Amino acid sequence: MPPEIVNWHYDEVHACFRDGRAAMVCDWPGYYSAYRNSKIRDTFQVARMPAGPSGSQRAYSGSHTFALTRRGAARPAAVELLRFLTAREQQLLEARQGSVPTRPSVLAQIRSEAQSSEVERWSLLDHVIARDMLIPPRLSYYPEIEEILWRTVQSAMTGAIPINTALQTMEHRIAETHRHAA
């Protein structure tokens, strides 16, 4: 991987892997179609996350969601948009691109259409969803915590700060963020 990767966010890392310039990437299922339609289309496979020092395999997860405010829910156009975005047809379109559908009927249809390589991928996703998912806490200020984690881990990885300092910094700054939000 290129040395400048330490300053990148998700999209730059995704593009680097897609262009065949990185050996491995941790990515969302929704990026799968971009990989299938890239230079690496015939050379990559999906796999579980590598085990950490404890032997545990975890995948950071969550989802993009839709919601309406109370005021928005009173507007017919907002409700209509939400229904459109969560409709079976939309989930089927997204699932065909690689995303994991939430509707069981869509998942069943995608599985029935899957070629052998896709059957293996869906089985792996089942396993990861059932056993490996690490879901962030539901906090309105979690993006702030995520930024603290990202910046501090980045500093430790580049050698700018020692690992023990990084751990102490994260613990202190996250506790401070929590106190301010309470």
C-alpha atoms as a PDB file:
ATOM      1  CA  MET A   1       0.000   0.000   0.000  1.00  0.00           C
ATOM      2  CA  PRO A   2       1.179   3.510  -0.604  1.00  0.00           C
ATOM      3  CA  PRO A   3       2.683   5.375   2.383  1.00  0.00           C
ATOM      4  CA  GLU A   4       0.130   8.198   2.111  1.00  0.00           C
ATOM      5  CA  ILE A   5      -2.661   5.789   3.128  1.00  0.00           C
ATOM      6  CA  VAL A   6      -2.319   6.879   6.759  1.00  0.00           C
ATOM      7  CA  ASN A   7      -3.973  10.198   5.867  1.00  0.00           C
ATOM      8  CA  TRP A   8      -6.849   8.739   3.878  1.00  0.00           C
ATOM      9  CA  HIS A   9     -10.481   8.171   4.729  1.00  0.00           C
ATOM     10  CA  TYR A  10     -12.713   5.380   3.433  1.00  0.00           C
ATOM     11  CA  ASP A  11     -13.164   6.479  -0.167  1.00  0.00           C
ATOM     12  CA  GLU A  12      -9.434   6.858  -0.858  1.00  0.00           C
ATOM     13  CA  VAL A  13      -8.692   3.443   0.664  1.00  0.00           C
ATOM     14  CA  HIS A  14     -11.530   1.909  -1.345  1.00  0.00           C
ATOM     15  CA  ALA A  15     -10.163   3.413  -4.585  1.00  0.00           C
ATOM     16  CA  CYS A  16      -6.637   2.230  -3.832  1.00  0.00           C
ATOM     17  CA  PHE A  17      -7.788  -1.364  -3.390  1.00  0.00           C
ATOM     18  CA  ARG A  18     -10.106  -1.174  -6.384  1.00  0.00           C
ATOM     19  CA  ASP A  19      -7.177   0.024  -8.502  1.00  0.00           C
ATOM     20  CA  GLY A  20      -5.050  -2.938  -7.386  1.00  0.00           C
ATOM     21  CA  ARG A  21      -2.622  -0.878  -5.295  1.00  0.00           C
ATOM     22  CA  ALA A  22      -3.376  -2.491  -1.894  1.00  0.00           C
ATOM     23  CA  ALA A  23      -3.340  -6.125  -0.848  1.00  0.00           C
ATOM     24  CA  MET A  24      -6.301  -5.959   1.540  1.00  0.00           C
ATOM     25  CA  VAL A  25      -9.162  -3.700   2.549  1.00  0.00           C
ATOM     26  CA  CYS A  26     -11.856  -3.775   5.215  1.00  0.00           C
ATOM     27  CA  ASP A  27     -14.980  -2.523   3.530  1.00  0.00           C
ATOM     28  CA  TRP A  28     -18.770  -2.492   3.614  1.00  0.00           C
ATOM     29  CA  PRO A  29     -20.731  -5.069   1.576  1.00  0.00           C
ATOM     30  CA  GLY A  30     -22.179  -2.222  -0.473  1.00  0.00           C
ATOM     31  CA  TYR A  31     -18.783  -1.636  -2.116  1.00  0.00           C
ATOM     32  CA  TYR A  32     -18.759  -5.170  -3.522  1.00  0.00           C
ATOM     33  CA  SER A  33     -20.129  -4.204  -6.937  1.00  0.00           C
ATOM     34  CA  ALA A  34     -17.450  -1.523  -7.322  1.00  0.00           C
ATOM     35  CA  TYR A  35     -14.810  -4.226  -6.835  1.00  0.00           C
ATOM     36  CA  ARG A  36     -16.600  -6.589  -9.231  1.00  0.00           C
ATOM     37  CA  ASN A  37     -16.510  -3.817 -11.856  1.00  0.00           C
ATOM     38  CA  SER A  38     -12.870  -2.799 -11.376  1.00  0.00           C
ATOM     39  CA  LYS A  39      -9.334  -3.880 -12.308  1.00  0.00           C
ATOM     40  CA  ILE A  40      -9.366  -6.473  -9.523  1.00  0.00           C
ATOM     41  CA  ARG A  41     -12.693  -8.099 -10.524  1.00  0.00           C
ATOM     42  CA  ASP A  42     -11.137 -11.532 -11.147  1.00  0.00           C
ATOM     43  CA  THR A  43      -8.444 -11.424  -8.470  1.00  0.00           C
ATOM     44  CA  PHE A  44     -10.104 -10.655  -5.135  1.00  0.00           C
ATOM     45  CA  GLN A  45     -12.111 -12.679  -2.627  1.00  0.00           C
ATOM     46  CA  VAL A  46     -14.052 -11.748   0.476  1.00  0.00           C
ATOM     47  CA  ALA A  47     -13.014 -13.162   3.857  1.00  0.00           C
ATOM     48  CA  ARG A  48     -13.601 -12.677   7.547  1.00  0.00           C
ATOM     49  CA  MET A  49     -11.506 -10.132   9.385  1.00  0.00           C
ATOM     50  CA  PRO A  50      -8.184 -11.497  10.625  1.00  0.00           C
ATOM     51  CA  ALA A  51      -8.103 -12.521  14.277  1.00  0.00           C
ATOM     52  CA  GLY A  52      -6.650 -10.077  16.746  1.00  0.00           C
ATOM     53  CA  PRO A  53      -4.276 -10.938  19.604  1.00  0.00           C
ATOM     54  CA  SER A  54      -7.155 -12.431  21.643  1.00  0.00           C
ATOM     55  CA  GLY A  55      -8.100 -14.733  18.758  1.00  0.00           C
ATOM     56  CA  SER A  56     -11.351 -12.839  18.273  1.00  0.00           C
ATOM     57  CA  GLN A  57     -12.552 -11.875  14.789  1.00  0.00           C
ATOM     58  CA  ARG A  58     -14.704  -8.756  14.747  1.00  0.00           C
ATOM     59  CA  ALA A  59     -16.163  -6.659  11.953  1.00  0.00           C
ATOM     60  CA  TYR A  60     -17.085  -3.042  12.631  1.00  0.00           C
ATOM     61  CA  SER A  61     -20.643  -2.693  11.496  1.00  0.00           C
ATOM     62  CA  GLY A  62     -23.686  -0.560  11.448  1.00  0.00           C
ATOM     63  CA  SER A  63     -25.886   0.643   8.681  1.00  0.00           C
ATOM     64  CA  HIS A  64     -27.085   3.628   6.807  1.00  0.00           C
ATOM     65  CA  THR A  65     -30.599   4.328   7.965  1.00  0.00           C
ATOM     66  CA  PHE A  66     -33.524   6.525   7.118  1.00  0.00           C
ATOM     67  CA  ALA A  67     -35.634   8.407   9.596  1.00  0.00           C
ATOM     68  CA  LEU A  68     -38.129  11.218   9.723  1.00  0.00           C
ATOM     69  CA  THR A  69     -38.407  13.899  12.343  1.00  0.00           C
ATOM     70  CA  ARG A  70     -41.806  14.351  13.962  1.00  0.00           C
ATOM     71  CA  ARG A  71     -42.385  17.417  11.824  1.00  0.00           C
ATOM     72  CA  GLY A  72     -41.193  15.585   8.688  1.00  0.00           C
ATOM     73  CA  ALA A  73     -43.451  12.614   9.381  1.00  0.00           C
ATOM     74  CA  ALA A  74     -46.431  14.951   9.126  1.00  0.00           C
ATOM     75  CA  ARG A  75     -45.480  15.776   5.531  1.00  0.00           C
ATOM     76  CA  PRO A  76     -46.895  13.313   2.996  1.00  0.00           C
ATOM     77  CA  ALA A  77     -43.966  13.789   0.586  1.00  0.00           C
ATOM     78  CA  ALA A  78     -41.435  12.885   3.304  1.00  0.00           C
ATOM     79  CA  VAL A  79     -43.326   9.715   4.194  1.00  0.00           C
ATOM     80  CA  GLU A  80     -43.651   8.858   0.511  1.00  0.00           C
ATOM     81  CA  LEU A  81     -39.871   9.254   0.037  1.00  0.00           C
ATOM     82  CA  LEU A  82     -39.135   7.032   3.030  1.00  0.00           C
ATOM     83  CA  ARG A  83     -41.512   4.358   1.724  1.00  0.00           C
ATOM     84  CA  PHE A  84     -39.884   4.550  -1.706  1.00  0.00           C
ATOM     85  CA  LEU A  85     -36.349   4.219  -0.293  1.00  0.00           C
ATOM     86  CA  THR A  86     -37.282   1.204   1.839  1.00  0.00           C
ATOM     87  CA  ALA A  87     -39.490  -0.503  -0.752  1.00  0.00           C
ATOM     88  CA  ARG A  88     -38.819  -4.073  -1.808  1.00  0.00           C
ATOM     89  CA  GLU A  89     -37.778  -2.955  -5.294  1.00  0.00           C
ATOM     90  CA  GLN A  90     -35.172  -0.542  -3.927  1.00  0.00           C
ATOM     91  CA  GLN A  91     -33.780  -3.153  -1.544  1.00  0.00           C
ATOM     92  CA  LEU A  92     -33.572  -5.630  -4.411  1.00  0.00           C
ATOM     93  CA  LEU A  93     -31.686  -3.087  -6.538  1.00  0.00           C
ATOM     94  CA  GLU A  94     -29.217  -2.397  -3.707  1.00  0.00           C
ATOM     95  CA  ALA A  95     -28.816  -6.114  -2.888  1.00  0.00           C
ATOM     96  CA  ARG A  96     -27.962  -6.879  -6.506  1.00  0.00           C
ATOM     97  CA  GLN A  97     -25.141  -4.348  -6.119  1.00  0.00           C
ATOM     98  CA  GLY A  98     -23.815  -6.097  -2.993  1.00  0.00           C
ATOM     99  CA  SER A  99     -25.632  -4.519  -0.050  1.00  0.00           C
ATOM    100  CA  VAL A 100     -27.275  -6.675   2.583  1.00  0.00           C
ATOM    101  CA  PRO A 101     -31.067  -6.320   2.385  1.00  0.00           C
ATOM    102  CA  THR A 102     -33.133  -6.089   5.550  1.00  0.00           C
ATOM    103  CA  ARG A 103     -36.238  -7.587   3.997  1.00  0.00           C
ATOM    104  CA  PRO A 104     -36.183 -11.408   4.336  1.00  0.00           C
ATOM    105  CA  SER A 105     -38.062 -11.817   1.041  1.00  0.00           C
ATOM    106  CA  VAL A 106     -35.400  -9.809  -0.801  1.00  0.00           C
ATOM    107  CA  LEU A 107     -32.597 -11.807   0.821  1.00  0.00           C
ATOM    108  CA  ALA A 108     -34.341 -15.058  -0.192  1.00  0.00           C
ATOM    109  CA  GLN A 109     -34.686 -13.848  -3.784  1.00  0.00           C
ATOM    110  CA  ILE A 110     -31.042 -12.732  -3.966  1.00  0.00           C
ATOM    111  CA  ARG A 111     -29.915 -16.106  -2.635  1.00  0.00           C
ATOM    112  CA  SER A 112     -32.087 -17.954  -5.169  1.00  0.00           C
ATOM    113  CA  GLU A 113     -30.509 -15.928  -8.012  1.00  0.00           C
ATOM    114  CA  ALA A 114     -26.933 -16.290  -6.727  1.00  0.00           C
ATOM    115  CA  GLN A 115     -24.229 -18.009  -8.733  1.00  0.00           C
ATOM    116  CA  SER A 116     -21.864 -20.362  -6.845  1.00  0.00           C
ATOM    117  CA  SER A 117     -19.324 -17.649  -5.958  1.00  0.00           C
ATOM    118  CA  GLU A 118     -22.158 -15.483  -4.659  1.00  0.00           C
ATOM    119  CA  VAL A 119     -23.592 -18.308  -2.555  1.00  0.00           C
ATOM    120  CA  GLU A 120     -20.248 -18.490  -0.748  1.00  0.00           C
ATOM    121  CA  ARG A 121     -20.230 -14.717  -0.226  1.00  0.00           C
ATOM    122  CA  TRP A 122     -23.750 -14.705   1.225  1.00  0.00           C
ATOM    123  CA  SER A 123     -22.837 -17.581   3.552  1.00  0.00           C
ATOM    124  CA  LEU A 124     -19.806 -15.648   4.757  1.00  0.00           C
ATOM    125  CA  LEU A 125     -21.961 -12.560   5.345  1.00  0.00           C
ATOM    126  CA  ASP A 126     -24.420 -14.696   7.342  1.00  0.00           C
ATOM    127  CA  HIS A 127     -21.572 -15.908   9.538  1.00  0.00           C
ATOM    128  CA  VAL A 128     -20.145 -12.409  10.068  1.00  0.00           C
ATOM    129  CA  ILE A 129     -23.571 -10.951  10.854  1.00  0.00           C
ATOM    130  CA  ALA A 130     -24.354 -13.750  13.325  1.00  0.00           C
ATOM    131  CA  ARG A 131     -20.983 -13.941  15.099  1.00  0.00           C
ATOM    132  CA  ASP A 132     -18.542 -11.168  14.281  1.00  0.00           C
ATOM    133  CA  MET A 133     -20.456  -7.888  14.202  1.00  0.00           C
ATOM    134  CA  LEU A 134     -19.276  -5.124  16.487  1.00  0.00           C
ATOM    135  CA  ILE A 135     -22.009  -2.503  16.525  1.00  0.00           C
ATOM    136  CA  PRO A 136     -21.128   1.001  17.746  1.00  0.00           C
ATOM    137  CA  PRO A 137     -23.194   2.364  20.613  1.00  0.00           C
ATOM    138  CA  ARG A 138     -26.313   4.329  19.708  1.00  0.00           C
ATOM    139  CA  LEU A 139     -25.150   7.740  20.787  1.00  0.00           C
ATOM    140  CA  SER A 140     -25.952  10.953  18.975  1.00  0.00           C
ATOM    141  CA  TYR A 141     -22.357  12.031  19.519  1.00  0.00           C
ATOM    142  CA  TYR A 142     -20.758   8.785  18.335  1.00  0.00           C
ATOM    143  CA  PRO A 143     -19.292  10.488  15.222  1.00  0.00           C
ATOM    144  CA  GLU A 144     -17.180  12.594  17.609  1.00  0.00           C
ATOM    145  CA  ILE A 145     -15.957   9.424  19.321  1.00  0.00           C
ATOM    146  CA  GLU A 146     -15.202   7.827  15.984  1.00  0.00           C
ATOM    147  CA  GLU A 147     -13.092  10.853  15.021  1.00  0.00           C
ATOM    148  CA  ILE A 148     -11.172  10.622  18.315  1.00  0.00           C
ATOM    149  CA  LEU A 149     -10.511   6.943  17.686  1.00  0.00           C
ATOM    150  CA  TRP A 150      -9.467   7.440  14.072  1.00  0.00           C
ATOM    151  CA  ARG A 151      -7.103  10.359  14.719  1.00  0.00           C
ATOM    152  CA  THR A 152      -5.488   8.763  17.776  1.00  0.00           C
ATOM    153  CA  VAL A 153      -5.032   5.325  16.204  1.00  0.00           C
ATOM    154  CA  GLN A 154      -3.580   7.066  13.139  1.00  0.00           C
ATOM    155  CA  SER A 155      -1.062   8.882  15.369  1.00  0.00           C
ATOM    156  CA  ALA A 156      -0.054   5.630  17.042  1.00  0.00           C
ATOM    157  CA  MET A 157       0.278   3.787  13.719  1.00  0.00           C
ATOM    158  CA  THR A 158       2.576   6.450  12.292  1.00  0.00           C
ATOM    159  CA  GLY A 159       4.703   6.488  15.437  1.00  0.00           C
ATOM    160  CA  ALA A 160       3.751  10.054  16.338  1.00  0.00           C
ATOM    161  CA  ILE A 161       2.705   8.879  19.811  1.00  0.00           C
ATOM    162  CA  PRO A 162       3.379   5.667  21.754  1.00  0.00           C
ATOM    163  CA  ILE A 163       0.588   3.076  21.916  1.00  0.00           C
ATOM    164  CA  ASN A 164       0.085   3.499  25.678  1.00  0.00           C
ATOM    165  CA  THR A 165      -0.271   7.254  25.207  1.00  0.00           C
ATOM    166  CA  ALA A 166      -2.795   6.657  22.428  1.00  0.00           C
ATOM    167  CA  LEU A 167      -4.868   4.376  24.657  1.00  0.00           C
ATOM    168  CA  GLN A 168      -4.827   6.879  27.522  1.00  0.00           C
ATOM    169  CA  THR A 169      -5.670   9.740  25.159  1.00  0.00           C
ATOM    170  CA  MET A 170      -8.637   7.880  23.691  1.00  0.00           C
ATOM    171  CA  GLU A 171      -9.955   6.928  27.112  1.00  0.00           C
ATOM    172  CA  HIS A 172      -9.661  10.507  28.420  1.00  0.00           C
ATOM    173  CA  ARG A 173     -11.098  12.259  25.344  1.00  0.00           C
ATOM    174  CA  ILE A 174     -14.012   9.811  24.992  1.00  0.00           C
ATOM    175  CA  ALA A 175     -14.883  10.218  28.693  1.00  0.00           C
ATOM    176  CA  GLU A 176     -14.731  14.002  28.239  1.00  0.00           C
ATOM    177  CA  THR A 177     -16.984  13.817  25.152  1.00  0.00           C
ATOM    178  CA  HIS A 178     -19.445  11.668  27.097  1.00  0.00           C
ATOM    179  CA  ARG A 179     -19.520  14.110  30.019  1.00  0.00           C
ATOM    180  CA  HIS A 180     -20.196  17.087  27.721  1.00  0.00           C
ATOM    181  CA  ALA A 181     -23.029  15.240  25.990  1.00  0.00           C
ATOM    182  CA  ALA A 182     -24.723  14.173  29.227  1.00  0.00           C
END
